[in-house]
C-alpha atoms as a PDB file:
ATOM      1  CA  UNK A   1       6.871  26.798   4.543  1.00  0.00           C
ATOM      2  CA  UNK A   2       4.749  29.256   6.484  1.00  0.00           C
ATOM      3  CA  UNK A   3       7.765  30.717   8.305  1.00  0.00           C
ATOM      4  CA  UNK A   4       9.560  31.297   5.018  1.00  0.00           C
ATOM      5  CA  UNK A   5       6.484  33.023   3.603  1.00  0.00           C
ATOM      6  CA  UNK A   6       6.221  35.271   6.659  1.00  0.00           C
ATOM      7  CA  UNK A   7       9.896  36.188   6.390  1.00  0.00           C
ATOM      8  CA  UNK A   8       9.462  37.071   2.721  1.00  0.00           C
ATOM      9  CA  UNK A   9       6.474  39.264   3.579  1.00  0.00           C
ATOM     10  CA  UNK A  10       8.551  41.042   6.232  1.00  0.00           C
ATOM     11  CA  UNK A  11      11.329  41.636   3.684  1.00  0.00           C
ATOM     12  CA  UNK A  12       8.781  42.882   1.158  1.00  0.00           C
ATOM     13  CA  UNK A  13       7.218  45.259   3.679  1.00  0.00           C
ATOM     14  CA  UNK A  14      10.674  46.590   4.613  1.00  0.00           C
ATOM     15  CA  UNK A  15      11.466  47.218   0.939  1.00  0.00           C
ATOM     16  CA  UNK A  16       8.125  48.942   0.398  1.00  0.00           C
ATOM     17  CA  UNK A  17       8.686  51.162   3.427  1.00  0.00           C
ATOM     18  CA  UNK A  18      11.924  52.495   1.865  1.00  0.00           C
ATOM     19  CA  UNK A  19      10.349  53.466  -1.459  1.00  0.00           C
ATOM     20  CA  UNK A  20       9.014  56.895  -2.266  1.00  0.00           C
ATOM     21  CA  UNK A  21       5.405  57.298  -3.363  1.00  0.00           C
ATOM     22  CA  UNK A  22       6.107  57.314  -7.117  1.00  0.00           C
ATOM     23  CA  UNK A  23       8.219  54.126  -6.969  1.00  0.00           C
ATOM     24  CA  UNK A  24       5.622  52.501  -4.750  1.00  0.00           C
ATOM     25  CA  UNK A  25       2.807  53.284  -7.188  1.00  0.00           C
ATOM     26  CA  UNK A  26       4.845  51.897 -10.103  1.00  0.00           C
ATOM     27  CA  UNK A  27       5.652  48.739  -8.125  1.00  0.00           C
ATOM     28  CA  UNK A  28       2.012  48.206  -7.188  1.00  0.00           C
ATOM     29  CA  UNK A  29       1.018  48.652 -10.816  1.00  0.00           C
ATOM     30  CA  UNK A  30       3.596  46.048 -11.931  1.00  0.00           C
ATOM     31  CA  UNK A  31       2.444  43.575  -9.287  1.00  0.00           C
ATOM     32  CA  UNK A  32      -1.178  44.126 -10.296  1.00  0.00           C
ATOM     33  CA  UNK A  33      -0.328  43.404 -13.934  1.00  0.00           C
ATOM     34  CA  UNK A  34       1.653  40.284 -12.960  1.00  0.00           C
ATOM     35  CA  UNK A  35      -1.234  38.978 -10.881  1.00  0.00           C
ATOM     36  CA  UNK A  36      -3.612  39.442 -13.801  1.00  0.00           C
ATOM     37  CA  UNK A  37      -1.339  37.888 -16.406  1.00  0.00           C
ATOM     38  CA  UNK A  38       0.888  35.237 -14.810  1.00  0.00           C
ATOM     39  CA  UNK A  39       0.747  32.122 -12.735  1.00  0.00           C
ATOM     40  CA  UNK A  40       2.445  32.059  -9.333  1.00  0.00           C
ATOM     41  CA  UNK A  41       5.701  30.469 -10.531  1.00  0.00           C
ATOM     42  CA  UNK A  42       6.310  33.074 -13.209  1.00  0.00           C
ATOM     43  CA  UNK A  43       5.586  35.902 -10.722  1.00  0.00           C
ATOM     44  CA  UNK A  44       8.142  34.475  -8.304  1.00  0.00           C
ATOM     45  CA  UNK A  45      10.700  34.049 -11.089  1.00  0.00           C
ATOM     46  CA  UNK A  46      10.188  37.663 -12.208  1.00  0.00           C
ATOM     47  CA  UNK A  47      10.676  38.927  -8.661  1.00  0.00           C
ATOM     48  CA  UNK A  48      13.885  36.902  -8.269  1.00  0.00           C
ATOM     49  CA  UNK A  49      15.235  38.200 -11.610  1.00  0.00           C
ATOM     50  CA  UNK A  50      14.564  41.812 -10.625  1.00  0.00           C
ATOM     51  CA  UNK A  51      16.451  41.738  -7.326  1.00  0.00           C
END
């Protein structure tokens, strides 16, 4: 499980590196809201739906 998590973090960091500042700020804001409002499973499901 740990390897999979590390790979996902690497993918996430690669995606973040490609975004411009405005998109990055919007993404961070969305993630912050999700972390405040949802449990882990619903966050993961939202991320998968938005790919």
